[in-house]
Amino acid sequence: MKRCYSLAAGLVLLCAVSPAGAADLVSPITKAHAPLSGAAVACRPLPEPVISLNSQPYYTDGAFSVIDPEKLAREQAAAKPLNQLLNLVQQAANDHRRGKPGAAACALAALDSWARAGALLGAFTLQGSYQRKWTLGGAALAYLSIRDAPNLPPETIARVNAWIGKVGRAVRPYYDKRAIANQNNHDYWAGLTVAAAGLVADDRAMVEWGVSRLRQAMTVVTAEGGLPRELARKRMALHYHLFSLPPLAALARIAEANGMALNASEQAALDRLARFTFEATQDPARIAMLAGEPQDDPFLKGRPALVQGAGLELWLLTKPANQGVSRPASEPALDAALKAFRPYRMSWLGGDIQALWAAR
């Protein structure tokens, strides 16, 4: 299929061509259908585009489990404009779902301001590149929910599509070099980011690459359901299992929507991982034994582990259609446990989990 967008009045300059015989890509992200009514919203002020990012790690030990508070504060300050962009785009997408006129245009304008500036395409440290992929993935997923809104300028859509695709391709090379045995949550998030960018850019090869990270992850899930590289995080093992599950569950949904569904063995591994992680939130004794240390997550600040349960919520929502049973019915304990923490929101998954990812 050939999709073209006008980059200037009367002149078509950008076309995306699917390979011969390839099925059209399908986004599993729910699009808003609320009728627009009322006064148009005012767009919020835009953060300055981030071209390059020289942020630094904040863990101080070999297991990446001990945080230096001052380094973490500097990292969070460096990432602030990236988070501001995500919050702005995702809030505008929320407003669009509520039927507020002009909200989709605000989200598009925010992304276009960064596209015009060549944002996220400069020099990045390794830590900075982590922030880039999280930002791009969350922005691309939110954008998929509003891109088909009425009256958006085709030339702007074309420019944003091209920019997201370009940044997504820039994310990939570092992860191409890593052996499966060395892959961890960063590879899973890179997979989701590249796949999401591929959905935006109509690039099946990018989606397939992202799904390959999911399949590779499923080969290392242990018989108990653990991820060896995340168990090596010692006292942060549970945190990083909860952090690994969101991109894997999202990739499983993208894969199924595009004719690349997990096979029975791979689906069993994902289910095993999700159940192991949930059980660890209820009783961390087993994961503590496997990790070699009691679990102590400083990001929780005394809150229950399930505040970080967005990946479990997403897994619950994305039961493969061919299994025929709704997730809540088949996982009653998990469904009941998550109720106290709903609605879940994770900016790197596009925003509101239920609104974006619930099957329609």
Protein backbone atom coordinates (compact mmCIF):
# COMPACT_ATOMS: atom_id res chain seq x y z
CA MET A 1 0.00 0.00 0.00
CA LYS A 2 1.21 3.52 -0.82
CA ARG A 3 0.33 6.34 1.57
CA CYS A 4 1.25 9.88 0.63
CA TYR A 5 1.02 13.14 2.52
CA SER A 6 1.29 16.65 1.18
CA LEU A 7 4.24 18.59 2.52
CA ALA A 8 3.29 21.73 0.63
CA ALA A 9 0.11 22.92 -0.99
CA GLY A 10 -0.47 20.97 -4.16
CA LEU A 11 2.81 19.07 -3.96
CA VAL A 12 3.17 15.52 -2.67
CA LEU A 13 6.67 14.94 -1.36
CA LEU A 14 6.45 12.09 1.14
CA CYS A 15 5.12 8.62 0.47
CA ALA A 16 5.32 5.48 2.58
CA VAL A 17 5.17 2.29 0.59
CA SER A 18 4.44 -1.07 2.18
CA PRO A 19 6.27 -4.04 0.65
CA ALA A 20 4.37 -5.92 -2.03
CA GLY A 21 1.94 -8.32 -0.45
CA ALA A 22 2.45 -6.93 3.05
CA ALA A 23 -0.66 -6.31 5.09
CA ASP A 24 -1.32 -2.77 6.27
CA LEU A 25 0.00 -2.03 9.73
CA VAL A 26 -2.62 -1.82 12.46
CA SER A 27 -2.33 0.31 15.58
CA PRO A 28 -3.90 -1.27 18.67
CA ILE A 29 -4.19 2.17 20.26
CA THR A 30 -7.81 3.21 20.78
CA LYS A 31 -8.81 6.31 18.83
CA ALA A 32 -11.18 8.87 20.27
CA HIS A 33 -14.74 8.83 18.98
CA ALA A 34 -16.38 11.42 21.26
CA PRO A 35 -18.28 14.14 19.36
CA LEU A 36 -16.58 17.51 19.62
CA SER A 37 -18.54 20.26 21.33
CA GLY A 38 -18.01 23.49 23.21
CA ALA A 39 -15.30 26.11 22.96
CA ALA A 40 -11.92 25.22 21.54
CA VAL A 41 -9.21 24.57 24.12
CA ALA A 42 -6.21 26.86 24.41
CA CYS A 43 -2.93 25.13 23.68
CA ARG A 44 -0.49 25.06 26.56
CA PRO A 45 2.98 26.65 26.35
CA LEU A 46 5.50 24.38 24.67
CA PRO A 47 8.77 23.25 26.25
CA GLU A 48 11.93 24.11 24.35
CA PRO A 49 12.87 21.28 21.98
CA VAL A 50 15.64 19.01 23.27
CA ILE A 51 18.13 18.40 20.47
CA SER A 52 20.86 16.69 22.50
CA LEU A 53 21.05 15.39 26.05
CA ASN A 54 24.14 14.89 28.19
CA SER A 55 22.57 13.24 31.24
CA GLN A 56 24.43 10.77 33.44
CA PRO A 57 23.64 7.55 35.36
CA TYR A 58 22.60 7.72 39.00
CA TYR A 59 23.31 4.19 40.26
CA THR A 60 26.56 3.73 42.15
CA ASP A 61 27.05 -0.06 42.30
CA GLY A 62 27.66 -2.84 39.81
CA ALA A 63 24.16 -4.26 40.23
CA PHE A 64 22.61 -0.85 39.51
CA SER A 65 20.61 -1.01 42.71
CA VAL A 66 21.99 1.81 44.89
CA ILE A 67 20.92 5.35 43.96
CA ASP A 68 22.92 8.52 44.46
CA PRO A 69 20.20 11.09 45.30
CA GLU A 70 22.14 14.06 43.94
CA LYS A 71 22.82 12.32 40.62
CA LEU A 72 19.18 11.26 40.38
CA ALA A 73 18.07 14.85 40.96
CA ARG A 74 20.36 16.06 38.15
CA GLU A 75 19.03 13.35 35.84
CA GLN A 76 15.43 14.30 36.60
CA ALA A 77 16.19 17.97 35.97
CA ALA A 78 17.79 17.12 32.61
CA ALA A 79 14.74 15.07 31.61
CA LYS A 80 12.22 17.73 32.69
CA PRO A 81 11.51 19.21 29.22
CA LEU A 82 11.04 15.68 27.82
CA ASN A 83 8.47 14.92 30.50
CA GLN A 84 6.82 18.29 29.87
CA LEU A 85 6.36 17.40 26.21
CA LEU A 86 4.84 14.04 27.08
CA ASN A 87 2.50 15.57 29.64
CA LEU A 88 1.38 18.24 27.19
CA VAL A 89 0.73 15.84 24.31
CA GLN A 90 -0.98 13.26 26.49
CA GLN A 91 -3.16 15.82 28.26
CA ALA A 92 -4.22 17.17 24.88
CA ALA A 93 -5.03 13.61 23.78
CA ASN A 94 -7.12 13.19 26.94
CA ASP A 95 -8.97 16.42 26.13
CA HIS A 96 -9.61 15.18 22.61
CA ARG A 97 -11.11 11.95 23.97
CA ARG A 98 -13.42 14.08 26.11
CA GLY A 99 -14.67 15.84 22.99
CA LYS A 100 -12.88 19.17 23.41
CA PRO A 101 -12.40 20.93 20.05
CA GLY A 102 -8.85 21.90 19.15
CA ALA A 103 -7.19 19.49 21.57
CA ALA A 104 -5.90 17.15 18.86
CA ALA A 105 -4.49 20.16 17.01
CA CYS A 106 -2.66 21.19 20.19
CA ALA A 107 -1.07 17.75 20.49
CA LEU A 108 -0.04 17.81 16.85
CA ALA A 109 1.36 21.33 17.12
CA ALA A 110 3.49 20.36 20.10
CA LEU A 111 5.00 17.42 18.25
CA ASP A 112 5.45 19.51 15.11
CA SER A 113 7.39 22.16 17.00
CA TRP A 114 9.90 19.48 18.00
CA ALA A 115 9.88 17.93 14.53
CA ARG A 116 10.70 21.30 12.91
CA ALA A 117 13.57 21.76 15.35
CA GLY A 118 15.07 18.33 14.66
CA ALA A 119 14.55 17.42 18.31
CA LEU A 120 16.01 14.19 19.70
CA LEU A 121 18.38 13.86 16.75
CA GLY A 122 21.52 15.41 18.22
CA ALA A 123 24.21 13.94 20.49
CA PHE A 124 23.10 11.71 23.37
CA THR A 125 24.97 10.07 26.19
CA LEU A 126 23.89 6.53 27.00
CA GLN A 127 21.69 7.75 29.85
CA GLY A 128 20.36 10.51 27.63
CA SER A 129 19.51 7.96 24.95
CA TYR A 130 17.40 6.10 27.49
CA GLN A 131 15.38 9.26 28.05
CA ARG A 132 15.09 9.77 24.30
CA LYS A 133 13.58 6.33 23.68
CA TRP A 134 11.11 6.60 26.58
CA THR A 135 10.00 10.04 25.38
CA LEU A 136 9.63 9.03 21.76
CA GLY A 137 7.71 5.86 22.59
CA GLY A 138 5.25 7.65 24.85
CA ALA A 139 4.79 10.47 22.35
CA ALA A 140 4.28 8.12 19.40
CA LEU A 141 1.67 6.05 21.22
CA ALA A 142 -0.30 9.13 22.30
CA TYR A 143 -0.03 10.55 18.79
CA LEU A 144 -1.56 7.40 17.32
CA SER A 145 -4.70 8.13 19.33
CA ILE A 146 -5.24 11.57 17.77
CA ARG A 147 -3.60 11.41 14.33
CA ASP A 148 -6.88 10.67 12.53
CA ALA A 149 -8.79 13.51 14.19
CA PRO A 150 -10.71 15.69 11.69
CA ASN A 151 -9.22 18.80 10.10
CA LEU A 152 -5.58 18.23 11.04
CA PRO A 153 -3.23 19.62 8.36
CA PRO A 154 -1.90 16.77 6.18
CA GLU A 155 1.46 18.47 5.69
CA THR A 156 1.92 18.70 9.46
CA ILE A 157 0.96 15.07 9.92
CA ALA A 158 3.48 14.12 7.23
CA ARG A 159 6.25 16.07 8.93
CA VAL A 160 5.53 14.58 12.37
CA ASN A 161 5.26 11.07 10.91
CA ALA A 162 8.64 11.47 9.22
CA TRP A 163 10.29 12.89 12.35
CA ILE A 164 9.01 10.14 14.63
CA GLY A 165 10.22 7.53 12.15
CA LYS A 166 13.64 9.17 11.93
CA VAL A 167 14.11 9.31 15.69
CA GLY A 168 12.87 5.73 16.01
CA ARG A 169 15.53 4.60 13.54
CA ALA A 170 18.16 6.50 15.53
CA VAL A 171 17.21 4.52 18.66
CA ARG A 172 17.85 1.13 17.09
CA PRO A 173 21.63 0.83 16.35
CA TYR A 174 22.83 0.61 19.97
CA TYR A 175 20.49 -2.30 20.66
CA ASP A 176 21.40 -4.14 17.47
CA LYS A 177 24.84 -4.75 18.96
CA ARG A 178 23.69 -6.43 22.17
CA ALA A 179 23.68 -10.20 22.56
CA ILE A 180 20.46 -11.77 23.81
CA ALA A 181 22.17 -12.76 27.07
CA ASN A 182 22.91 -9.08 27.78
CA GLN A 183 19.45 -7.75 26.99
CA ASN A 184 17.35 -6.25 29.75
CA ASN A 185 14.50 -3.81 30.27
CA HIS A 186 16.20 -1.21 28.08
CA ASP A 187 16.01 -3.54 25.08
CA TYR A 188 12.31 -4.11 25.73
CA TRP A 189 11.61 -0.39 25.89
CA ALA A 190 13.68 0.15 22.75
CA GLY A 191 11.60 -2.53 21.05
CA LEU A 192 8.37 -0.77 21.98
CA THR A 193 9.69 2.63 20.92
CA VAL A 194 10.88 1.42 17.52
CA ALA A 195 7.65 -0.54 16.95
CA ALA A 196 5.50 2.46 17.91
CA ALA A 197 7.55 4.70 15.62
CA GLY A 198 7.11 2.09 12.90
CA LEU A 199 3.33 2.23 13.30
CA VAL A 200 3.50 6.00 12.91
CA ALA A 201 5.90 5.90 9.94
CA ASP A 202 4.16 2.94 8.27
CA ASP A 203 7.40 0.97 8.40
CA ARG A 204 6.77 -2.76 8.91
CA ALA A 205 10.48 -3.51 9.32
CA MET A 206 10.56 -1.27 12.41
CA VAL A 207 7.53 -3.03 13.89
CA GLU A 208 9.06 -6.43 13.19
CA TRP A 209 12.32 -5.35 14.83
CA GLY A 210 10.45 -4.23 17.94
CA VAL A 211 8.53 -7.51 18.13
CA SER A 212 11.82 -9.40 17.78
CA ARG A 213 12.88 -7.87 21.13
CA LEU A 214 9.73 -9.32 22.68
CA ARG A 215 10.41 -12.77 21.22
CA GLN A 216 14.01 -12.70 22.40
CA ALA A 217 12.88 -11.74 25.91
CA MET A 218 10.54 -14.72 26.01
CA THR A 219 13.50 -17.06 25.41
CA VAL A 220 15.14 -16.06 28.70
CA VAL A 221 12.12 -16.14 31.04
CA THR A 222 12.91 -18.77 33.65
CA ALA A 223 10.70 -21.69 34.61
CA GLU A 224 9.57 -19.68 37.62
CA GLY A 225 8.83 -16.60 35.52
CA GLY A 226 11.83 -14.43 36.28
CA LEU A 227 14.06 -12.37 34.00
CA PRO A 228 17.70 -13.20 34.80
CA ARG A 229 19.08 -9.74 34.04
CA GLU A 230 16.45 -8.13 36.26
CA LEU A 231 16.99 -10.64 39.07
CA ALA A 232 20.62 -9.48 38.99
CA ARG A 233 19.41 -6.06 40.14
CA LYS A 234 19.40 -7.45 43.70
CA ARG A 235 17.23 -5.29 45.98
CA MET A 236 15.65 -3.67 42.89
CA ALA A 237 14.70 -6.95 41.21
CA LEU A 238 10.97 -6.54 41.78
CA HIS A 239 11.07 -2.92 40.63
CA TYR A 240 12.72 -3.93 37.37
CA HIS A 241 10.36 -6.84 36.75
CA LEU A 242 7.49 -4.38 37.12
CA PHE A 243 9.38 -2.01 34.80
CA SER A 244 10.08 -4.68 32.18
CA LEU A 245 6.51 -5.90 31.86
CA PRO A 246 4.91 -2.75 30.33
CA PRO A 247 6.87 -2.73 27.04
CA LEU A 248 6.62 -6.51 26.71
CA ALA A 249 2.84 -6.52 27.20
CA ALA A 250 2.48 -3.60 24.79
CA LEU A 251 4.63 -5.32 22.17
CA ALA A 252 2.52 -8.47 22.51
CA ARG A 253 -0.56 -6.38 21.71
CA ILE A 254 1.13 -4.73 18.71
CA ALA A 255 2.35 -8.12 17.48
CA GLU A 256 -1.12 -9.67 17.65
CA ALA A 257 -2.72 -6.74 15.84
CA ASN A 258 -0.26 -7.12 12.98
CA GLY A 259 -0.27 -10.85 12.34
CA MET A 260 2.80 -11.58 14.45
CA ALA A 261 1.14 -12.98 17.57
CA LEU A 262 3.24 -14.91 20.07
CA ASN A 263 3.18 -18.66 19.69
CA ALA A 264 1.92 -20.82 22.53
CA SER A 265 5.34 -21.19 24.15
CA GLU A 266 6.06 -17.46 23.97
CA GLN A 267 2.63 -16.55 25.32
CA ALA A 268 3.13 -19.01 28.18
CA ALA A 269 6.44 -17.32 29.00
CA LEU A 270 4.82 -13.88 29.07
CA ASP A 271 2.00 -15.18 31.26
CA ARG A 272 4.53 -16.84 33.56
CA LEU A 273 6.47 -13.57 33.86
CA ALA A 274 3.33 -11.59 34.66
CA ARG A 275 2.13 -14.03 37.31
CA PHE A 276 5.59 -14.29 38.89
CA THR A 277 5.78 -10.50 39.07
CA PHE A 278 2.32 -10.16 40.56
CA GLU A 279 3.03 -12.84 43.16
CA ALA A 280 6.21 -10.98 44.10
CA THR A 281 4.20 -7.83 44.80
CA GLN A 282 2.07 -9.83 47.23
CA ASP A 283 4.94 -11.75 48.84
CA PRO A 284 8.48 -10.74 47.84
CA ALA A 285 10.16 -13.61 49.68
CA ARG A 286 10.69 -15.76 46.57
CA ILE A 287 12.05 -13.00 44.37
CA ALA A 288 14.24 -11.84 47.25
CA MET A 289 15.74 -15.31 47.51
CA LEU A 290 16.36 -15.48 43.76
CA ALA A 291 17.84 -11.97 43.72
CA GLY A 292 19.96 -12.59 46.79
CA GLU A 293 18.72 -9.57 48.75
CA PRO A 294 15.51 -8.34 50.43
CA GLN A 295 13.58 -6.05 48.12
CA ASP A 296 13.96 -2.35 48.87
CA ASP A 297 12.71 0.05 46.20
CA PRO A 298 13.50 3.69 47.01
CA PHE A 299 11.19 4.90 44.22
CA LEU A 300 8.17 3.60 46.14
CA LYS A 301 8.73 5.89 49.13
CA GLY A 302 6.62 3.65 51.35
CA ARG A 303 3.86 3.00 48.81
CA PRO A 304 2.71 -0.50 47.78
CA ALA A 305 4.55 -2.10 44.88
CA LEU A 306 1.36 -2.21 42.79
CA VAL A 307 1.47 1.54 42.27
CA GLN A 308 3.99 0.45 39.61
CA GLY A 309 1.54 -2.10 38.21
CA ALA A 310 0.85 -0.50 34.81
CA GLY A 311 2.41 -3.47 33.04
CA LEU A 312 0.22 -5.90 34.94
CA GLU A 313 -2.83 -3.82 34.06
CA LEU A 314 -1.83 -3.83 30.40
CA TRP A 315 -1.23 -7.59 30.43
CA LEU A 316 -4.65 -8.03 32.01
CA LEU A 317 -6.24 -6.00 29.21
CA THR A 318 -4.53 -7.76 26.33
CA LYS A 319 -5.61 -11.39 26.45
CA PRO A 320 -5.07 -12.75 22.94
CA ALA A 321 -8.40 -13.01 21.16
CA ASN A 322 -7.82 -16.63 20.21
CA GLN A 323 -7.81 -17.63 23.88
CA GLY A 324 -11.38 -16.45 24.19
CA VAL A 325 -11.49 -15.64 27.92
CA SER A 326 -11.33 -12.11 29.28
CA ARG A 327 -8.33 -11.37 31.44
CA PRO A 328 -10.28 -10.27 34.54
CA ALA A 329 -12.28 -13.50 34.49
CA SER A 330 -9.16 -15.62 34.16
CA GLU A 331 -7.03 -13.64 36.66
CA PRO A 332 -9.47 -12.70 39.45
CA ALA A 333 -6.82 -12.21 42.14
CA LEU A 334 -4.84 -9.81 40.00
CA ASP A 335 -7.93 -7.93 38.85
CA ALA A 336 -9.05 -7.49 42.45
CA ALA A 337 -5.60 -6.35 43.58
CA LEU A 338 -5.29 -3.74 40.82
CA LYS A 339 -8.69 -2.14 41.49
CA ALA A 340 -7.36 -0.06 44.36
CA PHE A 341 -4.74 1.54 42.08
CA ARG A 342 -6.83 2.29 39.02
CA PRO A 343 -6.84 4.18 36.77
CA TYR A 344 -3.28 3.41 35.78
CA ARG A 345 -1.29 5.93 33.82
CA MET A 346 2.23 5.61 32.42
CA SER A 347 3.58 8.33 30.17
CA TRP A 348 5.97 5.95 28.38
CA LEU A 349 2.97 3.78 27.41
CA GLY A 350 1.17 6.76 25.91
CA GLY A 351 -0.74 7.91 29.01
CA ASP A 352 -3.95 6.37 30.33
CA ILE A 353 -3.72 2.58 30.05
CA GLN A 354 -7.43 1.79 29.97
CA ALA A 355 -8.28 4.57 27.53
CA LEU A 356 -5.50 3.70 25.07
CA TRP A 357 -5.06 -0.04 25.31
CA ALA A 358 -8.39 -1.63 26.24
CA ALA A 359 -9.61 -3.86 23.42
CA ARG A 360 -12.52 -2.49 21.41
